[in-house]
Structures are given as C-alpha cells and as structure tokens.
Amino acid sequence: MKFKVWGLIILAALIAAGSESAIAAMSRVNYVVYKDGSAYKARNEATGTVDYSGDDAALAIQKAIDAVHAGGGGKVFLKESLHGAELNSGLKMPLNASIALIGEEPFVMLIKHFNGDMLTAGKGRYIIKNLALDGNRKSYSGDGIVIKGDGGGGSNQHIFENLFIIRMKEVGLRLIGLYCCQLSNVHIGEGCKVGLYIDSCSTLNILNSEIWNNLQSGVEIATETLPHYTSTNINFIGGSIGGNQYGVKANGAYAVNFSGTHMEANSINCIALQSVRTSVITGCTLSQDTKTPVIRGWGAADPYGAWNVHIFGNQFGFYGKDEKDNPLPVIQFDDNSYYNVVGVNRGSPDFTYNYVSGGKYTQVTDPQCKPKSTPAPGK
C-alpha cells in the first residue's frame, strides 16, 4: 500500500511544482479540428481563421498539433463531428512539446487506414483524453499510441484519461522511458497482441482501467529499451484485467503493486512475476479455472527469481485440478524466489489445499494455509 500512496504523492507534487506553466498552457483551447460537410478543418481559436481545410483528417489534426507547438504549447480540441474519421497516416507530437489532445465528450473515435502507429511522441508533456482509436487489425499493422522518453525529467507527467484503444495488430499503448505518469479510465483490448506495454518507466499509476481480451498479455512490464532505467513503482489501483493469456507479466522490474484490481479468465496466470523485486498484492479478486497458478513467481538463479512479494487480503477463485482431481497451487514460486510473504487471503472451498507451492524462506502467516512457512536460516 505504501508504494501506491507514495506514487500518487510524488505524481501530484511533481505536477504541482514542476510544470505549472505547461499545465496552464494545455488548459487553453488553441485549435479546434472538426468536419464540415466533406471537409476536415483546423481553426485557430485566437484569430478565428481556418488554417487548414481539406479531405485528410490526419493532416488537419497534425496541422493543429504543429501550430500549437509553434506557439509554445496548448490544447487541440477534436469536435464530435470527427467521430469515425479515417486516418490515412499517423499523428506525431513534436519533440519537447506541451500539448493536450482532447476529444469532445464522451469520446471521439478515429479509425486506422494505414500501416504504422496511430499516435507517436517523444520527450515532452502530454495529455491525451476522450479518444477511441480503432486499429482495424485485420487490414493494418502497428501500435496504437507510442510514447518514448529518455527516462529522465524531460519525459514526465503524461496523463492518459478516458481512452479506448482496440484492435491493434501489435500493442495498444506502448510507454517507454517515462517518469511520473497516470492512466485513468483507459480501456484496451478486443484483439490487440499486447494491451499495455511498459518499458523502463518509473512511478506509473494505472487507475480504474480495463484491459481485456488481448491475444497475449494484458500488460507487459519490462526493462529493455533503456536498461539503465529499471521499470519501478508501477501501481495498479482498481480496474480489471482479463481474457488474456497473462493478465500482468512483469520481467526485471521493481515494486510492481496491485490494490483492489479484479482479474479473471487469464489462461496462463493472472500475475506473473519474473525476476521482480518487491511487490504488494492486496485487496484484489483473482480467479481462473486453468491448470496454472493464479500468481507465479520465478526467474533464473542469476540474477534472481521473485523476491519480497507480499500477498494478503485478496479473494481467490481458483478451480484448477490435476489429472487425479487434486487442487493445484494457487500461488507458486520457483527455487530461485526468496523471502516472499503470504498473509491471510480467502477463496473457494478447495483453496486451503496446496495453497502455496515452492520458493525458499517463504513466510506464510495465514492459519488456513498448507503447507506452513519455510523459515530463513537461523529463524
């Protein structure tokens, strides 16, 4: 729980102290993009002039983005009349921009009609809100949104809110090298290969988001692109993740935490922690009926498996059984996983049998649990 609280405090403090002018600039509408008859138009709100009018929706939005950046940052507002517009090319945020790209409520849908990523950005500060991106995966390849920072302060304070990202051939939302960001009410799925991919990011809060029915993982967390920036303090708060192979699959990360998240119907594991140090899983409901553990921790001897994972206060629904109809482990650690703690949890009637399996020096404090703790040397 402390990781969640500190993550939110750090996020709020940095936004308040470090980017007041950027946030203020992004609160003003500088350009409005809309459809008028058969023409897509970008209107400068300061002058009232239409700076672009044509048959290319992507170009109209891009012209507005570039003009806002040239003016020092601000907001591009997409009117409801754009709903269902087909993009023939990807949108790109300029480097070091401070831009809010916001659709009219409830959301504006844009449909991909090209091979490539729908929206890309590098270093800067961005707010992306009230958009639905349809990847049209049967016809076109690429990701939905790709934000690539450098892991430092120039790649922070992005806000993603009320987004629907569906049917991407590859990844729905790919975040690389970002610091201190928030996802709120983000829905990703309907056939993306991977829903949310987090790489070399730090202090990322995923609030009340739904990540369902992706072909491989709902969420993957890694440290690959920027190996000197370990993915750290990734917090899932509320929301639901299901219908994937892996719900959340983390590799080589630190402080991956879950509070009040609902997970079900993931065919391999709800939570898979490979070489992850320090994780708190609490207040969650986790359910599946396959022959694999709900939570699994593992890794190679060098550097390590899953270390210092704390699991308590959860509700498990697990019905996996072997060929002799014996219940299978709900939580499973390999022999390279050390010093993990399992507190009091609740579950189905067969829950207490073979509840926790494997691991070294696992501390089990739940009185219903079998087997009991495996204490560390000298204890």
Protein backbone atom coordinates (compact mmCIF):
# COMPACT_ATOMS: atom_id res chain seq x y z
CA MET A 1 0.00 0.00 0.00
CA LYS A 2 2.80 2.42 0.75
CA PHE A 3 4.03 2.23 -2.86
CA LYS A 4 0.60 3.26 -4.10
CA VAL A 5 0.38 6.18 -1.69
CA TRP A 6 3.88 7.44 -2.35
CA GLY A 7 3.41 7.04 -6.10
CA LEU A 8 0.34 9.26 -6.00
CA ILE A 9 2.01 11.82 -3.72
CA ILE A 10 5.07 12.04 -5.97
CA LEU A 11 2.87 12.39 -9.07
CA ALA A 12 0.81 15.18 -7.54
CA ALA A 13 3.84 17.03 -6.16
CA LEU A 14 5.74 16.98 -9.43
CA ILE A 15 2.77 18.14 -11.45
CA ALA A 16 2.14 20.97 -8.99
CA ALA A 17 5.74 22.09 -8.61
CA GLY A 18 7.43 21.26 -11.88
CA SER A 19 5.07 22.14 -14.69
CA GLU A 20 2.54 24.79 -13.67
CA SER A 21 3.13 26.82 -16.82
CA ALA A 22 2.91 23.76 -19.08
CA ILE A 23 -0.33 22.54 -17.48
CA ALA A 24 -1.79 26.05 -17.66
CA ALA A 25 -0.89 26.30 -21.35
CA MET A 26 -2.55 22.96 -22.07
CA SER A 27 -5.79 24.10 -20.42
CA ARG A 28 -6.46 26.70 -23.13
CA VAL A 29 -8.06 25.65 -26.42
CA ASN A 30 -5.79 26.88 -29.20
CA TYR A 31 -7.10 24.91 -32.16
CA VAL A 32 -10.36 23.14 -32.92
CA VAL A 33 -10.46 20.38 -35.52
CA TYR A 34 -13.85 19.41 -36.95
CA LYS A 35 -15.64 18.10 -40.02
CA ASP A 36 -17.74 20.49 -42.05
CA GLY A 37 -19.59 18.69 -44.81
CA SER A 38 -16.93 16.59 -46.55
CA ALA A 39 -14.02 18.81 -45.42
CA TYR A 40 -11.84 18.45 -42.35
CA LYS A 41 -10.88 21.81 -40.88
CA ALA A 42 -8.41 23.17 -38.29
CA ARG A 43 -9.49 26.51 -36.82
CA ASN A 44 -7.23 28.88 -34.89
CA GLU A 45 -9.30 29.93 -31.87
CA ALA A 46 -7.26 33.09 -31.28
CA THR A 47 -7.86 34.51 -34.74
CA GLY A 48 -10.95 32.58 -35.86
CA THR A 49 -9.26 31.70 -39.14
CA VAL A 50 -9.35 28.23 -40.67
CA ASP A 51 -5.71 27.31 -41.27
CA TYR A 52 -6.47 24.02 -43.00
CA SER A 53 -9.42 22.71 -44.98
CA GLY A 54 -9.25 19.52 -46.97
CA ASP A 55 -10.16 15.84 -47.26
CA ASP A 56 -7.40 14.46 -44.97
CA ALA A 57 -8.45 14.10 -41.31
CA ALA A 58 -4.96 13.17 -40.15
CA LEU A 59 -3.42 16.19 -41.86
CA ALA A 60 -5.98 18.53 -40.30
CA ILE A 61 -5.17 17.23 -36.79
CA GLN A 62 -1.42 17.29 -37.46
CA LYS A 63 -1.54 20.90 -38.72
CA ALA A 64 -3.25 21.89 -35.48
CA ILE A 65 -0.71 19.99 -33.34
CA ASP A 66 2.24 21.62 -35.13
CA ALA A 67 0.74 25.09 -34.88
CA VAL A 68 0.05 24.72 -31.15
CA HIS A 69 3.61 23.56 -30.54
CA ALA A 70 4.99 26.50 -32.55
CA GLY A 71 3.00 28.82 -30.29
CA GLY A 72 4.51 27.40 -27.10
CA GLY A 73 2.04 24.63 -26.32
CA GLY A 74 -1.66 24.31 -25.63
CA LYS A 75 -4.75 22.29 -26.47
CA VAL A 76 -6.03 20.73 -29.66
CA PHE A 77 -9.74 20.00 -29.32
CA LEU A 78 -11.37 17.40 -31.59
CA LYS A 79 -15.07 18.02 -32.18
CA GLU A 80 -17.70 15.26 -32.15
CA SER A 81 -18.12 15.72 -35.92
CA LEU A 82 -14.77 13.90 -36.34
CA HIS A 83 -16.20 10.72 -34.82
CA GLY A 84 -15.49 7.82 -37.18
CA ALA A 85 -12.90 9.70 -39.23
CA GLU A 86 -10.41 7.51 -41.09
CA LEU A 87 -6.73 8.35 -40.63
CA ASN A 88 -4.54 7.69 -43.66
CA SER A 89 -1.34 8.48 -41.74
CA GLY A 90 -0.12 8.58 -38.15
CA LEU A 91 -0.17 11.59 -35.83
CA LYS A 92 3.11 12.79 -34.30
CA MET A 93 3.70 15.02 -31.31
CA PRO A 94 6.72 17.34 -31.80
CA LEU A 95 9.75 16.79 -29.57
CA ASN A 96 9.66 18.60 -26.19
CA ALA A 97 6.06 19.67 -26.77
CA SER A 98 3.45 20.51 -24.12
CA ILE A 99 0.22 19.55 -25.82
CA ALA A 100 -3.22 18.33 -24.79
CA LEU A 101 -5.07 16.33 -27.45
CA ILE A 102 -8.65 16.06 -26.23
CA GLY A 103 -11.80 14.80 -27.87
CA GLU A 104 -15.27 16.10 -27.21
CA GLU A 105 -17.06 14.08 -24.51
CA PRO A 106 -17.80 11.24 -24.25
CA PHE A 107 -15.12 10.43 -26.84
CA VAL A 108 -14.17 10.80 -30.50
CA MET A 109 -13.30 7.65 -32.46
CA LEU A 110 -10.54 7.62 -35.08
CA ILE A 111 -10.06 4.59 -37.35
CA LYS A 112 -6.74 3.47 -38.80
CA HIS A 113 -6.39 3.10 -42.57
CA PHE A 114 -2.62 2.72 -42.90
CA ASN A 115 0.26 0.55 -41.68
CA GLY A 116 2.08 2.09 -38.72
CA ASP A 117 1.45 3.63 -35.31
CA MET A 118 -1.60 5.86 -34.86
CA LEU A 119 0.00 8.38 -32.45
CA THR A 120 3.68 8.77 -31.54
CA ALA A 121 5.55 11.13 -29.23
CA GLY A 122 8.99 11.59 -27.71
CA LYS A 123 10.14 13.75 -24.80
CA GLY A 124 7.63 16.30 -23.62
CA ARG A 125 4.44 16.61 -21.59
CA TYR A 126 1.16 15.35 -22.99
CA ILE A 127 -2.47 14.99 -22.02
CA ILE A 128 -4.42 12.57 -24.22
CA LYS A 129 -8.09 12.33 -23.34
CA ASN A 130 -11.52 11.28 -24.64
CA LEU A 131 -10.29 9.38 -27.69
CA ALA A 132 -11.14 5.98 -29.15
CA LEU A 133 -8.56 4.51 -31.51
CA ASP A 134 -9.57 1.57 -33.70
CA GLY A 135 -6.56 -0.24 -35.18
CA ASN A 136 -8.52 -2.18 -37.82
CA ARG A 137 -6.08 -5.05 -37.15
CA LYS A 138 -7.31 -7.37 -39.90
CA SER A 139 -6.18 -4.87 -42.52
CA TYR A 140 -3.40 -2.78 -40.96
CA SER A 141 -0.33 -3.29 -38.73
CA GLY A 142 1.26 -1.21 -35.98
CA ASP A 143 0.62 0.09 -32.47
CA GLY A 144 -2.00 2.45 -31.12
CA ILE A 145 -0.12 5.04 -29.05
CA VAL A 146 3.68 5.03 -28.60
CA ILE A 147 5.34 7.47 -26.18
CA LYS A 148 9.12 7.18 -25.94
CA GLY A 149 11.04 9.28 -23.43
CA ASP A 150 14.57 9.10 -22.09
CA GLY A 151 13.75 8.02 -18.53
CA GLY A 152 14.51 11.46 -17.10
CA GLY A 153 12.60 14.56 -16.08
CA GLY A 154 12.01 15.60 -19.68
CA SER A 155 9.72 12.62 -20.19
CA ASN A 156 7.29 13.03 -17.31
CA GLN A 157 3.81 13.95 -16.20
CA HIS A 158 1.85 12.49 -19.08
CA ILE A 159 -1.85 11.98 -18.41
CA PHE A 160 -3.94 9.44 -20.32
CA GLU A 161 -7.64 9.60 -19.49
CA ASN A 162 -10.83 8.09 -20.86
CA LEU A 163 -9.19 6.28 -23.77
CA PHE A 164 -10.47 3.30 -25.75
CA ILE A 165 -7.75 1.53 -27.73
CA ILE A 166 -8.92 -1.53 -29.64
CA ARG A 167 -8.00 -3.95 -32.41
CA MET A 168 -4.32 -3.04 -32.79
CA LYS A 169 -2.18 -5.54 -34.66
CA GLU A 170 0.64 -5.11 -32.15
CA VAL A 171 0.44 -3.06 -28.90
CA GLY A 172 -2.43 -0.88 -27.79
CA LEU A 173 -0.45 1.58 -25.62
CA ARG A 174 3.36 1.40 -25.56
CA LEU A 175 5.15 3.51 -22.92
CA ILE A 176 8.97 3.70 -22.91
CA GLY A 177 11.25 5.68 -20.61
CA LEU A 178 8.51 7.73 -18.92
CA TYR A 179 8.53 9.13 -15.39
CA CYS A 180 5.64 10.03 -13.13
CA CYS A 181 2.59 9.42 -15.32
CA GLN A 182 -1.03 8.46 -14.85
CA LEU A 183 -3.52 6.34 -16.76
CA SER A 184 -7.14 6.74 -15.69
CA ASN A 185 -10.20 5.03 -17.14
CA VAL A 186 -8.22 3.56 -20.03
CA HIS A 187 -9.77 0.61 -21.89
CA ILE A 188 -7.51 -1.54 -24.08
CA GLY A 189 -8.36 -4.77 -25.86
CA GLU A 190 -10.52 -6.50 -28.45
CA GLY A 191 -7.69 -8.30 -30.14
CA CYS A 192 -4.53 -6.28 -29.56
CA LYS A 193 -1.48 -8.53 -29.41
CA VAL A 194 -0.48 -6.85 -26.11
CA GLY A 195 -2.71 -4.32 -24.39
CA LEU A 196 -0.34 -2.13 -22.36
CA TYR A 197 3.45 -2.38 -22.71
CA ILE A 198 5.55 -0.61 -20.07
CA ASP A 199 9.31 -0.44 -20.66
CA SER A 200 11.88 1.36 -18.49
CA CYS A 201 9.23 3.52 -16.79
CA SER A 202 9.12 4.82 -13.22
CA THR A 203 6.19 5.86 -11.00
CA LEU A 204 3.30 4.96 -13.23
CA ASN A 205 -0.23 4.78 -11.80
CA ILE A 206 -2.91 2.80 -13.66
CA LEU A 207 -6.26 3.79 -12.16
CA ASN A 208 -9.63 2.12 -12.76
CA SER A 209 -8.66 0.86 -16.20
CA GLU A 210 -9.91 -2.20 -18.09
CA ILE A 211 -7.54 -4.35 -20.14
CA TRP A 212 -9.39 -7.28 -21.69
CA ASN A 213 -9.28 -9.84 -24.50
CA ASN A 214 -5.79 -9.24 -25.83
CA LEU A 215 -4.15 -12.10 -27.70
CA GLN A 216 -1.07 -12.45 -25.47
CA SER A 217 -0.65 -10.27 -22.38
CA GLY A 218 -2.99 -7.70 -20.97
CA VAL A 219 0.02 -5.86 -19.54
CA GLU A 220 3.75 -6.49 -20.02
CA ILE A 221 6.33 -4.72 -17.86
CA ALA A 222 9.99 -4.88 -18.88
CA THR A 223 13.33 -3.11 -18.75
CA GLU A 224 14.66 -3.44 -22.29
CA THR A 225 14.97 -0.23 -24.29
CA LEU A 226 16.73 1.78 -21.52
CA PRO A 227 18.46 -0.87 -19.36
CA HIS A 228 19.89 1.79 -17.00
CA TYR A 229 16.29 2.78 -16.10
CA THR A 230 14.59 -0.16 -14.38
CA SER A 231 10.81 -0.21 -14.53
CA THR A 232 9.98 0.83 -10.96
CA ASN A 233 6.92 1.66 -8.87
CA ILE A 234 4.22 0.51 -11.28
CA ASN A 235 0.89 0.69 -9.43
CA PHE A 236 -2.42 -0.87 -10.48
CA ILE A 237 -5.27 0.66 -8.48
CA GLY A 238 -8.76 -0.69 -9.07
CA GLY A 239 -9.79 -1.65 -12.59
CA SER A 240 -9.94 -5.09 -14.18
CA ILE A 241 -7.74 -7.28 -16.36
CA GLY A 242 -8.99 -10.45 -18.00
CA GLY A 243 -9.46 -12.64 -21.03
CA ASN A 244 -5.73 -12.57 -21.92
CA GLN A 245 -3.06 -15.27 -21.73
CA TYR A 246 -1.22 -13.37 -18.99
CA GLY A 247 -3.05 -10.73 -17.02
CA VAL A 248 0.11 -8.87 -15.99
CA LYS A 249 3.54 -10.25 -16.92
CA ALA A 250 6.49 -8.40 -15.37
CA ASN A 251 10.16 -9.13 -16.04
CA GLY A 252 13.11 -7.48 -14.31
CA ALA A 253 11.04 -4.80 -12.61
CA TYR A 254 10.97 -3.38 -9.07
CA ALA A 255 7.89 -2.52 -6.98
CA VAL A 256 5.01 -3.76 -9.11
CA ASN A 257 1.94 -3.29 -6.92
CA PHE A 258 -1.76 -4.14 -7.08
CA SER A 259 -4.57 -2.73 -4.93
CA GLY A 260 -8.23 -3.57 -5.46
CA THR A 261 -7.77 -4.91 -9.01
CA HIS A 262 -10.11 -7.56 -10.42
CA MET A 263 -8.57 -10.26 -12.61
CA GLU A 264 -10.18 -13.29 -14.18
CA ALA A 265 -10.18 -15.63 -17.18
CA ASN A 266 -6.47 -15.20 -17.99
CA SER A 267 -5.44 -18.55 -19.46
CA ILE A 268 -1.89 -18.79 -18.02
CA ASN A 269 -1.53 -16.55 -14.94
CA CYS A 270 -3.32 -13.53 -13.55
CA ILE A 271 0.01 -12.17 -12.27
CA ALA A 272 3.40 -13.47 -13.48
CA LEU A 273 6.47 -12.02 -11.75
CA GLN A 274 9.75 -12.95 -13.41
CA SER A 275 12.83 -11.63 -11.61
CA VAL A 276 10.73 -8.98 -9.86
CA ARG A 277 11.83 -7.48 -6.55
CA THR A 278 9.28 -6.14 -4.08
CA SER A 279 5.64 -6.42 -4.98
CA VAL A 280 2.49 -5.86 -2.93
CA ILE A 281 -0.74 -7.61 -3.99
CA THR A 282 -3.68 -6.72 -1.75
CA GLY A 283 -7.43 -6.23 -1.87
CA CYS A 284 -7.71 -7.92 -5.26
CA THR A 285 -10.10 -10.55 -6.61
CA LEU A 286 -8.27 -13.09 -8.75
CA SER A 287 -9.91 -16.03 -10.47
CA GLN A 288 -9.19 -18.61 -13.15
CA ASP A 289 -10.01 -22.22 -13.92
CA THR A 290 -6.92 -23.39 -15.79
CA LYS A 291 -4.19 -25.76 -14.60
CA THR A 292 -1.74 -22.96 -13.93
CA PRO A 293 -1.24 -20.83 -10.78
CA VAL A 294 -3.15 -17.60 -10.30
CA ILE A 295 0.10 -15.93 -9.18
CA ARG A 296 3.50 -17.21 -10.26
CA GLY A 297 6.99 -16.00 -9.30
CA TRP A 298 10.13 -17.30 -10.97
CA GLY A 299 13.46 -16.43 -12.56
CA ALA A 300 16.98 -17.61 -13.25
CA ALA A 301 19.50 -18.09 -10.43
CA ASP A 302 21.38 -15.09 -11.80
CA PRO A 303 20.15 -12.51 -11.09
CA TYR A 304 17.17 -13.87 -9.09
CA GLY A 305 13.58 -15.04 -9.16
CA ALA A 306 10.72 -13.22 -7.42
CA TRP A 307 11.86 -11.59 -4.16
CA ASN A 308 9.95 -9.91 -1.35
CA VAL A 309 6.45 -10.38 -2.76
CA HIS A 310 3.70 -9.67 -0.22
CA ILE A 311 0.27 -11.23 -0.89
CA PHE A 312 -2.54 -10.56 1.58
CA GLY A 313 -6.19 -9.57 1.85
CA ASN A 314 -7.17 -10.98 -1.55
CA GLN A 315 -10.13 -13.06 -2.69
CA PHE A 316 -9.14 -16.05 -4.83
CA GLY A 317 -11.44 -18.10 -7.03
CA PHE A 318 -9.41 -21.00 -8.34
CA TYR A 319 -10.62 -24.33 -9.64
CA GLY A 320 -7.57 -25.81 -11.38
CA LYS A 321 -7.09 -29.53 -10.72
CA ASP A 322 -4.64 -32.21 -11.85
CA GLU A 323 -5.49 -35.48 -13.57
CA LYS A 324 -6.35 -37.04 -10.17
CA ASP A 325 -8.79 -34.22 -9.41
CA ASN A 326 -6.50 -32.72 -6.75
CA PRO A 327 -6.45 -28.92 -6.49
CA LEU A 328 -3.34 -27.29 -7.94
CA PRO A 329 -1.32 -24.48 -6.29
CA VAL A 330 -2.94 -21.07 -6.24
CA ILE A 331 0.40 -19.31 -5.66
CA GLN A 332 3.63 -20.83 -6.96
CA PHE A 333 7.26 -19.74 -6.56
CA ASP A 334 10.32 -21.45 -8.03
CA ASP A 335 13.51 -22.29 -6.12
CA ASN A 336 15.17 -19.03 -7.16
CA SER A 337 12.43 -17.00 -5.44
CA TYR A 338 13.22 -15.88 -1.87
CA TYR A 339 11.70 -14.15 1.18
CA ASN A 340 8.14 -13.88 -0.04
CA VAL A 341 5.25 -13.36 2.40
CA VAL A 342 1.71 -14.74 2.11
CA GLY A 343 -0.77 -13.29 4.60
CA VAL A 344 -4.45 -14.04 5.14
CA ASN A 345 -6.45 -14.47 1.94
CA ARG A 346 -9.79 -16.05 1.11
CA GLY A 347 -11.02 -18.31 -1.64
CA SER A 348 -13.03 -21.26 -2.92
CA PRO A 349 -13.68 -24.37 -0.75
CA ASP A 350 -10.55 -26.14 -2.05
CA PHE A 351 -8.46 -23.05 -1.50
CA THR A 352 -6.54 -24.22 1.58
CA TYR A 353 -5.18 -27.38 -0.02
CA ASN A 354 -1.83 -26.84 -1.72
CA TYR A 355 -2.38 -23.11 -1.44
CA VAL A 356 1.27 -22.00 -1.71
CA SER A 357 3.93 -24.03 -3.50
CA GLY A 358 7.70 -23.64 -3.82
CA GLY A 359 10.05 -20.78 -3.07
CA LYS A 360 12.75 -20.50 -0.42
CA TYR A 361 12.18 -18.99 3.00
CA THR A 362 8.56 -18.24 2.18
CA GLN A 363 6.73 -16.86 5.20
CA VAL A 364 3.08 -17.90 5.41
CA THR A 365 1.00 -16.28 8.15
CA ASP A 366 -2.45 -17.46 7.02
CA PRO A 367 -3.57 -20.09 9.59
CA GLN A 368 -5.62 -21.88 6.90
CA CYS A 369 -2.65 -22.38 4.64
CA LYS A 370 -0.96 -25.67 3.82
CA PRO A 371 2.00 -26.03 3.76
CA LYS A 372 3.34 -23.87 6.56
CA SER A 373 6.20 -21.40 6.40
CA THR A 374 9.73 -22.30 5.33
CA PRO A 375 11.77 -20.07 7.67
CA ALA A 376 15.02 -18.44 6.69
CA PRO A 377 18.29 -19.81 8.18
CA GLY A 378 18.67 -19.06 11.86
CA LYS A 379 14.98 -18.31 12.37
